Amino acid sequence: MKINDVSRLQGLQSYKNSISKVQNQEIKKAQVDKVEFSQAAQEKISVDKEKRIQALKEQIQNGTYKVDSEKIADKLLSNWNKGIEE
């Protein structure tokens, strides 16, 4: 019995091609967009954050901080609904 080597090689080549396509697709799926802030932007964010925290601390100490009950209720309901959907 004679084995046709050409057909075996063609089958092997098509298998290799299909494997490489799958690997390329997996690599593309694994790539994720990424955002990086510059040092200047990070410093500005940090300064703004500290100012906001300081303002909130002062409001709490002075007794002028007002809690927005509607925002709290909306967040509670939103989180509750997320928990039900999962």
N, C-alpha and C. Protein backbone atom coordinates (compact mmCIF):
# COMPACT_ATOMS: atom_id res chain seq x y z
N MET A 1 0.84 -1.16 0.00
CA MET A 1 0.00 0.00 0.00
C MET A 1 0.90 1.24 0.00
N LYS A 2 0.59 2.22 -0.84
CA LYS A 2 1.39 3.42 -0.98
C LYS A 2 0.65 4.59 -0.33
N ILE A 3 1.37 5.34 0.47
CA ILE A 3 0.79 6.50 1.14
C ILE A 3 1.15 7.74 0.32
N ASN A 4 0.15 8.52 0.05
CA ASN A 4 0.33 9.73 -0.72
C ASN A 4 0.83 10.83 0.22
N ASP A 5 2.13 11.10 0.20
CA ASP A 5 2.74 12.07 1.11
C ASP A 5 2.26 13.49 0.86
N VAL A 6 1.92 13.81 -0.37
CA VAL A 6 1.50 15.16 -0.72
C VAL A 6 0.21 15.51 0.01
N SER A 7 -0.74 14.61 0.03
CA SER A 7 -2.01 14.91 0.69
C SER A 7 -1.83 15.03 2.20
N ARG A 8 -0.92 14.27 2.77
CA ARG A 8 -0.65 14.37 4.21
C ARG A 8 -0.05 15.73 4.54
N LEU A 9 0.87 16.19 3.67
CA LEU A 9 1.49 17.49 3.90
C LEU A 9 0.48 18.62 3.76
N GLN A 10 -0.42 18.48 2.79
CA GLN A 10 -1.44 19.51 2.60
C GLN A 10 -2.37 19.56 3.82
N GLY A 11 -2.71 18.39 4.35
CA GLY A 11 -3.56 18.34 5.54
C GLY A 11 -2.86 18.96 6.74
N LEU A 12 -1.59 18.66 6.88
CA LEU A 12 -0.81 19.21 7.98
C LEU A 12 -0.70 20.73 7.85
N GLN A 13 -0.47 21.21 6.63
CA GLN A 13 -0.35 22.64 6.41
C GLN A 13 -1.67 23.35 6.71
N SER A 14 -2.78 22.78 6.29
CA SER A 14 -4.07 23.41 6.56
C SER A 14 -4.36 23.42 8.05
N TYR A 15 -3.94 22.38 8.77
CA TYR A 15 -4.11 22.33 10.22
C TYR A 15 -3.28 23.44 10.88
N LYS A 16 -2.04 23.60 10.45
CA LYS A 16 -1.18 24.64 11.01
C LYS A 16 -1.77 26.03 10.75
N ASN A 17 -2.32 26.22 9.55
CA ASN A 17 -2.92 27.51 9.22
C ASN A 17 -4.12 27.80 10.11
N SER A 18 -4.95 26.80 10.36
CA SER A 18 -6.12 27.02 11.20
C SER A 18 -5.72 27.30 12.64
N ILE A 19 -4.68 26.63 13.12
CA ILE A 19 -4.19 26.87 14.48
C ILE A 19 -3.64 28.29 14.59
N SER A 20 -2.88 28.74 13.60
CA SER A 20 -2.31 30.09 13.68
C SER A 20 -3.40 31.15 13.62
N LYS A 21 -4.48 30.91 12.87
CA LYS A 21 -5.59 31.86 12.82
C LYS A 21 -6.26 31.97 14.19
N VAL A 22 -6.47 30.84 14.84
CA VAL A 22 -7.08 30.84 16.17
C VAL A 22 -6.19 31.57 17.16
N GLN A 23 -4.88 31.33 17.09
CA GLN A 23 -3.95 32.00 18.00
C GLN A 23 -3.94 33.51 17.77
N ASN A 24 -3.99 33.92 16.52
CA ASN A 24 -4.02 35.36 16.20
C ASN A 24 -5.30 36.00 16.74
N GLN A 25 -6.42 35.29 16.64
CA GLN A 25 -7.67 35.82 17.15
C GLN A 25 -7.62 35.95 18.67
N GLU A 26 -7.00 34.97 19.34
CA GLU A 26 -6.89 35.03 20.79
C GLU A 26 -6.00 36.20 21.22
N ILE A 27 -4.96 36.47 20.48
CA ILE A 27 -4.08 37.60 20.79
C ILE A 27 -4.84 38.90 20.63
N LYS A 28 -5.64 39.01 19.58
CA LYS A 28 -6.41 40.23 19.36
C LYS A 28 -7.43 40.43 20.47
N LYS A 29 -8.05 39.35 20.94
CA LYS A 29 -9.02 39.46 22.03
C LYS A 29 -8.34 39.88 23.32
N ALA A 30 -7.13 39.46 23.54
CA ALA A 30 -6.43 39.73 24.78
C ALA A 30 -5.97 41.19 24.87
N GLN A 31 -5.85 41.87 23.75
CA GLN A 31 -5.39 43.25 23.75
C GLN A 31 -6.49 44.15 24.30
N VAL A 32 -6.12 45.03 25.21
CA VAL A 32 -7.07 45.91 25.87
C VAL A 32 -6.58 47.34 25.74
N ASP A 33 -7.51 48.26 25.54
CA ASP A 33 -7.14 49.66 25.50
C ASP A 33 -6.68 50.09 26.88
N LYS A 34 -5.72 51.00 26.90
CA LYS A 34 -5.15 51.43 28.16
C LYS A 34 -4.95 52.94 28.11
N VAL A 35 -5.27 53.59 29.23
CA VAL A 35 -5.10 55.03 29.33
C VAL A 35 -4.08 55.30 30.41
N GLU A 36 -3.13 56.17 30.10
CA GLU A 36 -2.13 56.56 31.08
C GLU A 36 -2.12 58.08 31.17
N PHE A 37 -2.14 58.57 32.41
CA PHE A 37 -2.11 60.00 32.63
C PHE A 37 -0.67 60.47 32.78
N SER A 38 -0.40 61.64 32.28
CA SER A 38 0.94 62.22 32.43
C SER A 38 1.16 62.57 33.90
N GLN A 39 2.41 62.82 34.25
CA GLN A 39 2.74 63.18 35.63
C GLN A 39 2.02 64.47 36.02
N ALA A 40 1.97 65.43 35.11
CA ALA A 40 1.30 66.71 35.40
C ALA A 40 -0.19 66.50 35.65
N ALA A 41 -0.81 65.65 34.86
CA ALA A 41 -2.24 65.36 35.04
C ALA A 41 -2.48 64.66 36.37
N GLN A 42 -1.62 63.72 36.73
CA GLN A 42 -1.76 63.02 38.00
C GLN A 42 -1.65 63.98 39.17
N GLU A 43 -0.72 64.93 39.07
CA GLU A 43 -0.54 65.92 40.14
C GLU A 43 -1.77 66.81 40.25
N LYS A 44 -2.32 67.23 39.11
CA LYS A 44 -3.51 68.08 39.13
C LYS A 44 -4.69 67.34 39.74
N ILE A 45 -4.86 66.09 39.37
CA ILE A 45 -5.94 65.28 39.94
C ILE A 45 -5.77 65.16 41.45
N SER A 46 -4.55 64.93 41.87
CA SER A 46 -4.26 64.79 43.30
C SER A 46 -4.56 66.09 44.05
N VAL A 47 -4.16 67.22 43.50
CA VAL A 47 -4.42 68.52 44.14
C VAL A 47 -5.92 68.78 44.21
N ASP A 48 -6.64 68.55 43.12
CA ASP A 48 -8.08 68.76 43.10
C ASP A 48 -8.78 67.85 44.12
N LYS A 49 -8.31 66.63 44.22
CA LYS A 49 -8.90 65.67 45.15
C LYS A 49 -8.69 66.13 46.59
N GLU A 50 -7.49 66.59 46.89
CA GLU A 50 -7.19 67.08 48.24
C GLU A 50 -8.03 68.31 48.58
N LYS A 51 -8.23 69.21 47.61
CA LYS A 51 -9.06 70.39 47.85
C LYS A 51 -10.49 69.98 48.17
N ARG A 52 -11.01 69.02 47.42
CA ARG A 52 -12.39 68.55 47.64
C ARG A 52 -12.52 67.89 49.01
N ILE A 53 -11.55 67.08 49.38
CA ILE A 53 -11.57 66.42 50.68
C ILE A 53 -11.53 67.45 51.80
N GLN A 54 -10.66 68.44 51.66
CA GLN A 54 -10.55 69.49 52.67
C GLN A 54 -11.86 70.26 52.80
N ALA A 55 -12.48 70.58 51.67
CA ALA A 55 -13.76 71.30 51.70
C ALA A 55 -14.83 70.47 52.41
N LEU A 56 -14.87 69.17 52.14
CA LEU A 56 -15.84 68.31 52.81
C LEU A 56 -15.59 68.23 54.31
N LYS A 57 -14.32 68.13 54.70
CA LYS A 57 -13.98 68.09 56.13
C LYS A 57 -14.44 69.37 56.82
N GLU A 58 -14.23 70.51 56.18
CA GLU A 58 -14.64 71.79 56.77
C GLU A 58 -16.16 71.85 56.90
N GLN A 59 -16.87 71.38 55.89
CA GLN A 59 -18.33 71.39 55.95
C GLN A 59 -18.84 70.51 57.08
N ILE A 60 -18.20 69.36 57.26
CA ILE A 60 -18.61 68.45 58.33
C ILE A 60 -18.33 69.09 59.69
N GLN A 61 -17.16 69.70 59.86
CA GLN A 61 -16.81 70.34 61.13
C GLN A 61 -17.74 71.52 61.45
N ASN A 62 -18.11 72.27 60.43
CA ASN A 62 -18.99 73.43 60.63
C ASN A 62 -20.45 73.04 60.78
N GLY A 63 -20.77 71.80 60.42
CA GLY A 63 -22.16 71.37 60.48
C GLY A 63 -22.98 71.82 59.29
N THR A 64 -22.30 72.22 58.20
CA THR A 64 -23.01 72.70 57.01
C THR A 64 -23.12 71.64 55.93
N TYR A 65 -22.56 70.46 56.18
CA TYR A 65 -22.61 69.39 55.17
C TYR A 65 -24.02 68.83 55.12
N LYS A 66 -24.60 68.78 53.96
CA LYS A 66 -25.96 68.27 53.78
C LYS A 66 -25.92 66.97 52.98
N VAL A 67 -26.58 65.97 53.51
CA VAL A 67 -26.66 64.68 52.86
C VAL A 67 -27.81 64.71 51.87
N ASP A 68 -27.56 64.30 50.63
CA ASP A 68 -28.60 64.26 49.61
C ASP A 68 -29.25 62.88 49.66
N SER A 69 -30.40 62.79 50.31
CA SER A 69 -31.05 61.49 50.52
C SER A 69 -31.52 60.87 49.20
N GLU A 70 -31.85 61.69 48.22
CA GLU A 70 -32.27 61.14 46.92
C GLU A 70 -31.12 60.42 46.23
N LYS A 71 -29.92 60.98 46.29
CA LYS A 71 -28.75 60.32 45.69
C LYS A 71 -28.47 59.00 46.39
N ILE A 72 -28.57 59.00 47.72
CA ILE A 72 -28.34 57.77 48.47
C ILE A 72 -29.36 56.72 48.08
N ALA A 73 -30.63 57.11 48.00
CA ALA A 73 -31.69 56.17 47.64
C ALA A 73 -31.47 55.63 46.23
N ASP A 74 -31.10 56.51 45.29
CA ASP A 74 -30.84 56.06 43.92
C ASP A 74 -29.71 55.04 43.86
N LYS A 75 -28.63 55.30 44.60
CA LYS A 75 -27.50 54.37 44.63
C LYS A 75 -27.91 53.03 45.24
N LEU A 76 -28.66 53.09 46.34
CA LEU A 76 -29.11 51.85 46.99
C LEU A 76 -29.97 51.02 46.04
N LEU A 77 -30.89 51.67 45.37
CA LEU A 77 -31.75 50.95 44.43
C LEU A 77 -30.96 50.40 43.24
N SER A 78 -30.03 51.19 42.75
CA SER A 78 -29.19 50.76 41.63
C SER A 78 -28.40 49.51 42.02
N ASN A 79 -27.76 49.56 43.19
CA ASN A 79 -26.98 48.40 43.65
C ASN A 79 -27.88 47.20 43.94
N TRP A 80 -29.04 47.46 44.46
CA TRP A 80 -29.98 46.37 44.74
C TRP A 80 -30.39 45.68 43.44
N ASN A 81 -30.69 46.47 42.41
CA ASN A 81 -31.09 45.91 41.12
C ASN A 81 -29.95 45.16 40.46
N LYS A 82 -28.72 45.65 40.60
CA LYS A 82 -27.57 44.94 40.05
C LYS A 82 -27.42 43.59 40.71
N GLY A 83 -27.63 43.52 42.01
CA GLY A 83 -27.53 42.26 42.75
C GLY A 83 -28.57 41.26 42.31
N ILE A 84 -29.77 41.74 41.98
CA ILE A 84 -30.84 40.86 41.54
C ILE A 84 -30.54 40.32 40.14
N GLU A 85 -30.00 41.16 39.25
CA GLU A 85 -29.71 40.76 37.87
C GLU A 85 -28.60 39.73 37.80
N GLU A 86 -27.66 39.78 38.71
CA GLU A 86 -26.53 38.86 38.67
C GLU A 86 -26.98 37.55 39.16
